[in-house]
Amino acid sequence: MKLKIAVISLVLFFFLMHQNQKIDLPKGFVYAKTMMPDLDVELRYYSSHNFVGDTIDGYKANKLILTEETVNALKKVQHDLQQQNLCLKVYDGYRPQRAVNHFMRWAKDLNDTINKQEFYPDVEKRYLFREEYIATRSGHSRGSTLDLTIIDGITNEPLDMGSPYDFFGKESWVNHPDLTDEQKANRQLLQGVMLKHNFRNYAKEWWHFTLRWEPFPSTYFDFEIE
């Protein structure tokens, strides 16, 4: 019995050591919440609530990783929004290249359309490459691109942006005309505050921004998120 208890204790010890082990990030990268503890993070690719319908390769934790310069700029965005009782919610930041490879494999499997109705109801899966919804490389892998929205600071509910995050269609274009006045105002609020603090947008995705003068403009990283 004593031997069994000792073995269990030893296993538990090594488990806790592993859980508390500090993960060394590449120089210039940080865990965003260490600098912005009040930031709302919901990495969609760590869950199954995404266009693939499964956890994506390389996402082993709901931990937002970005370059330090990006987080410093994001803090200024958060500060401005908090003056209006609003906050940021981030859906994706640094993305390992292996995750991009996972997207490519999925896109080539034309029979796997489990989440088509929610994320790409009007786009044939075989056209996702042609329409540039899926690419062989992503700016996210450089560490200074992120996907985000604005939430109500009291209810934590996302503002109505007129289309869901990661929706493949013209409804997600920043200047899509068929929006309500409220949806247009919400998009312009997000665009304005991000541009003010040196983030450039992507015209076909209202949620997508990249830090100007990013520190790794030509490097695509592949370390895991854990």
C-alpha atoms as a PDB file:
ATOM      1  CA  MET A   1       0.000   0.000   0.000  1.00  0.00           C
ATOM      2  CA  LYS A   2       2.822   2.423   0.922  1.00  0.00           C
ATOM      3  CA  LEU A   3       4.512   1.726  -2.417  1.00  0.00           C
ATOM      4  CA  LYS A   4       1.251   2.424  -4.296  1.00  0.00           C
ATOM      5  CA  ILE A   5       0.795   5.746  -2.464  1.00  0.00           C
ATOM      6  CA  ALA A   6       4.406   6.687  -3.212  1.00  0.00           C
ATOM      7  CA  VAL A   7       3.957   5.945  -6.908  1.00  0.00           C
ATOM      8  CA  ILE A   8       0.735   7.994  -7.056  1.00  0.00           C
ATOM      9  CA  SER A   9       2.438  10.874  -5.249  1.00  0.00           C
ATOM     10  CA  LEU A  10       5.348  10.780  -7.670  1.00  0.00           C
ATOM     11  CA  VAL A  11       3.036  10.786 -10.699  1.00  0.00           C
ATOM     12  CA  LEU A  12       1.078  13.698  -9.216  1.00  0.00           C
ATOM     13  CA  PHE A  13       4.302  15.597  -8.547  1.00  0.00           C
ATOM     14  CA  PHE A  14       5.486  15.313 -12.153  1.00  0.00           C
ATOM     15  CA  PHE A  15       1.999  16.197 -13.437  1.00  0.00           C
ATOM     16  CA  LEU A  16       1.955  19.399 -11.382  1.00  0.00           C
ATOM     17  CA  MET A  17       5.502  20.207 -12.458  1.00  0.00           C
ATOM     18  CA  HIS A  18       4.435  19.888 -16.081  1.00  0.00           C
ATOM     19  CA  GLN A  19       1.317  22.006 -15.516  1.00  0.00           C
ATOM     20  CA  ASN A  20       3.350  24.809 -13.937  1.00  0.00           C
ATOM     21  CA  GLN A  21       6.262  24.625 -16.317  1.00  0.00           C
ATOM     22  CA  LYS A  22       7.009  27.955 -17.894  1.00  0.00           C
ATOM     23  CA  ILE A  23       6.792  27.893 -21.659  1.00  0.00           C
ATOM     24  CA  ASP A  24       9.578  29.889 -23.253  1.00  0.00           C
ATOM     25  CA  LEU A  25       8.269  31.921 -26.164  1.00  0.00           C
ATOM     26  CA  PRO A  26      10.492  33.179 -28.968  1.00  0.00           C
ATOM     27  CA  LYS A  27      12.073  36.536 -28.178  1.00  0.00           C
ATOM     28  CA  GLY A  28       9.636  39.352 -28.877  1.00  0.00           C
ATOM     29  CA  PHE A  29       6.491  37.302 -28.150  1.00  0.00           C
ATOM     30  CA  VAL A  30       4.367  37.505 -24.997  1.00  0.00           C
ATOM     31  CA  TYR A  31       1.237  36.016 -23.511  1.00  0.00           C
ATOM     32  CA  ALA A  32      -1.174  38.920 -23.971  1.00  0.00           C
ATOM     33  CA  LYS A  33      -2.950  38.406 -20.641  1.00  0.00           C
ATOM     34  CA  THR A  34       0.288  38.991 -18.704  1.00  0.00           C
ATOM     35  CA  MET A  35       0.150  42.574 -19.960  1.00  0.00           C
ATOM     36  CA  MET A  36      -3.646  42.891 -20.290  1.00  0.00           C
ATOM     37  CA  PRO A  37      -5.238  40.743 -17.567  1.00  0.00           C
ATOM     38  CA  ASP A  38      -8.691  42.197 -18.269  1.00  0.00           C
ATOM     39  CA  LEU A  39      -8.653  41.165 -21.941  1.00  0.00           C
ATOM     40  CA  ASP A  40     -11.431  38.773 -23.013  1.00  0.00           C
ATOM     41  CA  VAL A  41      -9.935  35.888 -25.007  1.00  0.00           C
ATOM     42  CA  GLU A  42     -11.860  33.154 -26.802  1.00  0.00           C
ATOM     43  CA  LEU A  43      -9.546  31.396 -29.231  1.00  0.00           C
ATOM     44  CA  ARG A  44     -12.040  29.834 -31.618  1.00  0.00           C
ATOM     45  CA  TYR A  45      -9.456  27.445 -33.064  1.00  0.00           C
ATOM     46  CA  TYR A  46      -8.906  25.943 -29.622  1.00  0.00           C
ATOM     47  CA  SER A  47     -12.563  24.909 -29.710  1.00  0.00           C
ATOM     48  CA  SER A  48     -14.810  23.197 -32.226  1.00  0.00           C
ATOM     49  CA  HIS A  49     -16.833  26.391 -32.824  1.00  0.00           C
ATOM     50  CA  ASN A  50     -15.135  27.319 -36.084  1.00  0.00           C
ATOM     51  CA  PHE A  51     -15.528  26.662 -39.800  1.00  0.00           C
ATOM     52  CA  VAL A  52     -13.586  23.388 -39.576  1.00  0.00           C
ATOM     53  CA  GLY A  53     -15.657  22.105 -36.655  1.00  0.00           C
ATOM     54  CA  ASP A  54     -12.711  20.824 -34.648  1.00  0.00           C
ATOM     55  CA  THR A  55      -9.741  21.988 -32.570  1.00  0.00           C
ATOM     56  CA  ILE A  56      -7.008  23.140 -34.943  1.00  0.00           C
ATOM     57  CA  ASP A  57      -3.441  21.807 -34.940  1.00  0.00           C
ATOM     58  CA  GLY A  58      -1.127  23.825 -32.711  1.00  0.00           C
ATOM     59  CA  TYR A  59      -3.851  25.187 -30.415  1.00  0.00           C
ATOM     60  CA  LYS A  60      -3.324  23.470 -27.064  1.00  0.00           C
ATOM     61  CA  ALA A  61      -4.620  26.213 -24.774  1.00  0.00           C
ATOM     62  CA  ASN A  62      -6.875  29.246 -24.771  1.00  0.00           C
ATOM     63  CA  LYS A  63      -3.850  31.529 -24.447  1.00  0.00           C
ATOM     64  CA  LEU A  64      -3.448  34.547 -26.697  1.00  0.00           C
ATOM     65  CA  ILE A  65       0.118  35.020 -27.905  1.00  0.00           C
ATOM     66  CA  LEU A  66       1.226  38.152 -29.770  1.00  0.00           C
ATOM     67  CA  THR A  67       4.325  40.229 -30.319  1.00  0.00           C
ATOM     68  CA  GLU A  68       4.992  42.622 -27.461  1.00  0.00           C
ATOM     69  CA  GLU A  69       4.575  45.634 -29.756  1.00  0.00           C
ATOM     70  CA  THR A  70       1.109  44.423 -30.720  1.00  0.00           C
ATOM     71  CA  VAL A  71      -0.013  44.082 -27.116  1.00  0.00           C
ATOM     72  CA  ASN A  72       1.303  47.552 -26.266  1.00  0.00           C
ATOM     73  CA  ALA A  73      -0.788  49.010 -29.091  1.00  0.00           C
ATOM     74  CA  LEU A  74      -3.788  46.896 -28.099  1.00  0.00           C
ATOM     75  CA  LYS A  75      -3.644  48.299 -24.560  1.00  0.00           C
ATOM     76  CA  LYS A  76      -4.242  51.780 -26.008  1.00  0.00           C
ATOM     77  CA  VAL A  77      -7.255  50.501 -27.951  1.00  0.00           C
ATOM     78  CA  GLN A  78      -8.682  48.897 -24.814  1.00  0.00           C
ATOM     79  CA  HIS A  79      -8.162  52.111 -22.834  1.00  0.00           C
ATOM     80  CA  ASP A  80     -10.083  54.170 -25.383  1.00  0.00           C
ATOM     81  CA  LEU A  81     -12.981  51.711 -25.464  1.00  0.00           C
ATOM     82  CA  GLN A  82     -13.224  51.488 -21.701  1.00  0.00           C
ATOM     83  CA  GLN A  83     -14.057  55.193 -21.606  1.00  0.00           C
ATOM     84  CA  GLN A  84     -17.324  54.129 -23.295  1.00  0.00           C
ATOM     85  CA  ASN A  85     -17.904  51.071 -21.075  1.00  0.00           C
ATOM     86  CA  LEU A  86     -16.737  48.836 -23.917  1.00  0.00           C
ATOM     87  CA  CYS A  87     -13.960  46.229 -24.146  1.00  0.00           C
ATOM     88  CA  LEU A  88     -12.165  44.042 -26.654  1.00  0.00           C
ATOM     89  CA  LYS A  89     -12.761  40.351 -27.243  1.00  0.00           C
ATOM     90  CA  VAL A  90     -10.070  38.500 -29.202  1.00  0.00           C
ATOM     91  CA  TYR A  91     -10.832  35.401 -31.282  1.00  0.00           C
ATOM     92  CA  ASP A  92      -7.355  34.746 -32.665  1.00  0.00           C
ATOM     93  CA  GLY A  93      -3.835  36.115 -32.537  1.00  0.00           C
ATOM     94  CA  TYR A  94      -0.602  34.298 -33.277  1.00  0.00           C
ATOM     95  CA  ARG A  95      -1.416  31.227 -35.388  1.00  0.00           C
ATOM     96  CA  PRO A  96       1.142  28.430 -35.919  1.00  0.00           C
ATOM     97  CA  GLN A  97       1.926  27.507 -39.508  1.00  0.00           C
ATOM     98  CA  ARG A  98       0.764  23.960 -38.718  1.00  0.00           C
ATOM     99  CA  ALA A  99      -2.712  25.405 -38.112  1.00  0.00           C
ATOM    100  CA  VAL A 100      -2.658  27.000 -41.563  1.00  0.00           C
ATOM    101  CA  ASN A 101      -1.632  23.615 -42.961  1.00  0.00           C
ATOM    102  CA  HIS A 102      -4.618  22.081 -41.134  1.00  0.00           C
ATOM    103  CA  PHE A 103      -6.916  24.593 -42.878  1.00  0.00           C
ATOM    104  CA  MET A 104      -5.437  23.647 -46.251  1.00  0.00           C
ATOM    105  CA  ARG A 105      -5.980  19.922 -45.684  1.00  0.00           C
ATOM    106  CA  TRP A 106      -9.536  20.576 -44.578  1.00  0.00           C
ATOM    107  CA  ALA A 107     -10.281  22.780 -47.590  1.00  0.00           C
ATOM    108  CA  LYS A 108      -9.207  20.010 -49.959  1.00  0.00           C
ATOM    109  CA  ASP A 109     -11.621  17.514 -48.377  1.00  0.00           C
ATOM    110  CA  LEU A 110     -14.778  18.535 -50.210  1.00  0.00           C
ATOM    111  CA  ASN A 111     -16.917  16.025 -48.306  1.00  0.00           C
ATOM    112  CA  ASP A 112     -16.272  17.668 -44.923  1.00  0.00           C
ATOM    113  CA  THR A 113     -18.857  20.458 -44.706  1.00  0.00           C
ATOM    114  CA  ILE A 114     -20.076  20.036 -41.130  1.00  0.00           C
ATOM    115  CA  ASN A 115     -20.210  23.785 -40.379  1.00  0.00           C
ATOM    116  CA  LYS A 116     -21.004  25.088 -43.857  1.00  0.00           C
ATOM    117  CA  GLN A 117     -24.431  26.475 -42.921  1.00  0.00           C
ATOM    118  CA  GLU A 118     -23.016  28.684 -40.177  1.00  0.00           C
ATOM    119  CA  PHE A 119     -19.765  29.881 -41.730  1.00  0.00           C
ATOM    120  CA  TYR A 120     -19.953  29.654 -45.549  1.00  0.00           C
ATOM    121  CA  PRO A 121     -23.548  28.951 -46.631  1.00  0.00           C
ATOM    122  CA  ASP A 122     -23.246  30.725 -49.985  1.00  0.00           C
ATOM    123  CA  VAL A 123     -19.721  29.671 -50.971  1.00  0.00           C
ATOM    124  CA  GLU A 124     -18.879  26.294 -52.497  1.00  0.00           C
ATOM    125  CA  LYS A 125     -16.064  24.713 -50.530  1.00  0.00           C
ATOM    126  CA  ARG A 126     -14.042  24.014 -53.677  1.00  0.00           C
ATOM    127  CA  TYR A 127     -13.831  27.771 -54.251  1.00  0.00           C
ATOM    128  CA  LEU A 128     -12.426  28.724 -50.835  1.00  0.00           C
ATOM    129  CA  PHE A 129      -8.870  28.987 -52.200  1.00  0.00           C
ATOM    130  CA  ARG A 130      -9.930  30.938 -55.270  1.00  0.00           C
ATOM    131  CA  GLU A 131     -11.951  33.376 -53.180  1.00  0.00           C
ATOM    132  CA  GLU A 132      -8.955  33.785 -50.819  1.00  0.00           C
ATOM    133  CA  TYR A 133     -10.743  32.582 -47.701  1.00  0.00           C
ATOM    134  CA  ILE A 134      -8.035  29.932 -47.269  1.00  0.00           C
ATOM    135  CA  ALA A 135      -4.361  30.587 -48.071  1.00  0.00           C
ATOM    136  CA  THR A 136      -1.069  28.727 -47.794  1.00  0.00           C
ATOM    137  CA  ARG A 137       0.294  31.343 -45.397  1.00  0.00           C
ATOM    138  CA  SER A 138      -1.267  33.741 -42.921  1.00  0.00           C
ATOM    139  CA  GLY A 139      -0.147  37.030 -41.430  1.00  0.00           C
ATOM    140  CA  HIS A 140      -1.261  35.580 -38.096  1.00  0.00           C
ATOM    141  CA  SER A 141       1.834  33.361 -38.119  1.00  0.00           C
ATOM    142  CA  ARG A 142       4.009  36.484 -37.921  1.00  0.00           C
ATOM    143  CA  GLY A 143       2.531  37.279 -34.509  1.00  0.00           C
ATOM    144  CA  SER A 144       1.197  40.798 -35.081  1.00  0.00           C
ATOM    145  CA  THR A 145      -2.177  40.046 -36.674  1.00  0.00           C
ATOM    146  CA  LEU A 146      -5.297  39.397 -34.667  1.00  0.00           C
ATOM    147  CA  ASP A 147      -9.044  38.882 -35.027  1.00  0.00           C
ATOM    148  CA  LEU A 148     -11.271  40.692 -32.574  1.00  0.00           C
ATOM    149  CA  THR A 149     -14.521  42.458 -31.830  1.00  0.00           C
ATOM    150  CA  ILE A 150     -15.987  44.849 -29.264  1.00  0.00           C
ATOM    151  CA  ILE A 151     -18.106  43.714 -26.332  1.00  0.00           C
ATOM    152  CA  ASP A 152     -20.325  45.542 -23.865  1.00  0.00           C
ATOM    153  CA  GLY A 153     -18.300  46.137 -20.708  1.00  0.00           C
ATOM    154  CA  ILE A 154     -21.247  45.294 -18.468  1.00  0.00           C
ATOM    155  CA  THR A 155     -22.939  42.369 -20.191  1.00  0.00           C
ATOM    156  CA  ASN A 156     -19.862  41.027 -22.061  1.00  0.00           C
ATOM    157  CA  GLU A 157     -22.098  40.595 -25.113  1.00  0.00           C
ATOM    158  CA  PRO A 158     -20.472  41.316 -28.515  1.00  0.00           C
ATOM    159  CA  LEU A 159     -21.758  44.322 -30.403  1.00  0.00           C
ATOM    160  CA  ASP A 160     -23.777  43.511 -33.525  1.00  0.00           C
ATOM    161  CA  MET A 161     -21.334  43.690 -36.437  1.00  0.00           C
ATOM    162  CA  GLY A 162     -23.736  42.406 -39.074  1.00  0.00           C
ATOM    163  CA  SER A 163     -22.058  39.036 -39.594  1.00  0.00           C
ATOM    164  CA  PRO A 164     -20.464  36.456 -37.287  1.00  0.00           C
ATOM    165  CA  TYR A 165     -16.727  36.133 -36.833  1.00  0.00           C
ATOM    166  CA  ASP A 166     -15.114  34.063 -39.609  1.00  0.00           C
ATOM    167  CA  PHE A 167     -18.162  34.247 -41.843  1.00  0.00           C
ATOM    168  CA  PHE A 168     -17.075  33.679 -45.457  1.00  0.00           C
ATOM    169  CA  GLY A 169     -19.099  36.091 -47.560  1.00  0.00           C
ATOM    170  CA  LYS A 170     -19.565  39.687 -48.662  1.00  0.00           C
ATOM    171  CA  GLU A 171     -21.538  40.335 -45.483  1.00  0.00           C
ATOM    172  CA  SER A 172     -18.168  40.387 -43.682  1.00  0.00           C
ATOM    173  CA  TRP A 173     -16.635  43.024 -45.933  1.00  0.00           C
ATOM    174  CA  VAL A 174     -15.958  46.159 -43.895  1.00  0.00           C
ATOM    175  CA  ASN A 175     -18.009  48.395 -46.178  1.00  0.00           C
ATOM    176  CA  HIS A 176     -20.788  45.951 -46.998  1.00  0.00           C
ATOM    177  CA  PRO A 177     -23.780  48.188 -47.852  1.00  0.00           C
ATOM    178  CA  ASP A 178     -26.600  45.960 -46.630  1.00  0.00           C
ATOM    179  CA  LEU A 179     -26.257  46.684 -42.915  1.00  0.00           C
ATOM    180  CA  THR A 180     -28.391  48.451 -40.357  1.00  0.00           C
ATOM    181  CA  ASP A 181     -27.293  51.843 -39.075  1.00  0.00           C
ATOM    182  CA  GLU A 182     -26.324  50.242 -35.765  1.00  0.00           C
ATOM    183  CA  GLN A 183     -24.188  47.586 -37.460  1.00  0.00           C
ATOM    184  CA  LYS A 184     -22.446  50.196 -39.603  1.00  0.00           C
ATOM    185  CA  ALA A 185     -21.757  52.343 -36.539  1.00  0.00           C
ATOM    186  CA  ASN A 186     -20.340  49.372 -34.616  1.00  0.00           C
ATOM    187  CA  ARG A 187     -18.028  48.440 -37.468  1.00  0.00           C
ATOM    188  CA  GLN A 188     -16.848  52.011 -37.860  1.00  0.00           C
ATOM    189  CA  LEU A 189     -16.179  52.234 -34.138  1.00  0.00           C
ATOM    190  CA  LEU A 190     -13.961  49.149 -34.303  1.00  0.00           C
ATOM    191  CA  GLN A 191     -12.236  50.284 -37.483  1.00  0.00           C
ATOM    192  CA  GLY A 192     -11.660  53.784 -36.156  1.00  0.00           C
ATOM    193  CA  VAL A 193     -10.167  52.853 -32.809  1.00  0.00           C
ATOM    194  CA  MET A 194      -7.894  50.203 -34.341  1.00  0.00           C
ATOM    195  CA  LEU A 195      -6.648  52.476 -37.113  1.00  0.00           C
ATOM    196  CA  LYS A 196      -6.035  55.235 -34.553  1.00  0.00           C
ATOM    197  CA  HIS A 197      -3.530  53.015 -32.793  1.00  0.00           C
ATOM    198  CA  ASN A 198      -1.618  51.868 -35.868  1.00  0.00           C
ATOM    199  CA  PHE A 199      -3.488  48.752 -36.903  1.00  0.00           C
ATOM    200  CA  ARG A 200      -4.330  48.340 -40.573  1.00  0.00           C
ATOM    201  CA  ASN A 201      -7.482  46.489 -41.522  1.00  0.00           C
ATOM    202  CA  TYR A 202      -8.393  43.904 -44.122  1.00  0.00           C
ATOM    203  CA  ALA A 203     -11.285  45.098 -46.270  1.00  0.00           C
ATOM    204  CA  LYS A 204     -12.918  41.657 -46.580  1.00  0.00           C
ATOM    205  CA  GLU A 205     -12.957  40.827 -42.858  1.00  0.00           C
ATOM    206  CA  TRP A 206     -14.251  43.413 -40.382  1.00  0.00           C
ATOM    207  CA  TRP A 207     -12.499  41.598 -37.481  1.00  0.00           C
ATOM    208  CA  HIS A 208      -8.990  41.320 -38.978  1.00  0.00           C
ATOM    209  CA  PHE A 209      -6.150  43.755 -38.154  1.00  0.00           C
ATOM    210  CA  THR A 210      -2.362  43.834 -38.454  1.00  0.00           C
ATOM    211  CA  LEU A 211       0.023  46.092 -36.572  1.00  0.00           C
ATOM    212  CA  ARG A 212       1.761  48.598 -38.816  1.00  0.00           C
ATOM    213  CA  TRP A 213       5.546  48.217 -38.812  1.00  0.00           C
ATOM    214  CA  GLU A 214       5.231  44.718 -37.359  1.00  0.00           C
ATOM    215  CA  PRO A 215       8.516  43.354 -35.953  1.00  0.00           C
ATOM    216  CA  PHE A 216       8.567  40.111 -38.005  1.00  0.00           C
ATOM    217  CA  PRO A 217       7.203  41.106 -41.430  1.00  0.00           C
ATOM    218  CA  SER A 218       8.737  38.149 -43.261  1.00  0.00           C
ATOM    219  CA  THR A 219       8.916  35.391 -40.642  1.00  0.00           C
ATOM    220  CA  TYR A 220       6.243  32.713 -40.268  1.00  0.00           C
ATOM    221  CA  PHE A 221       6.489  30.939 -36.920  1.00  0.00           C
ATOM    222  CA  ASP A 222       5.291  27.443 -36.035  1.00  0.00           C
ATOM    223  CA  PHE A 223       5.619  27.021 -32.271  1.00  0.00           C
ATOM    224  CA  GLU A 224       2.516  25.643 -30.537  1.00  0.00           C
ATOM    225  CA  ILE A 225       0.098  27.603 -28.365  1.00  0.00           C
ATOM    226  CA  GLU A 226       0.283  26.063 -24.897  1.00  0.00           C
END
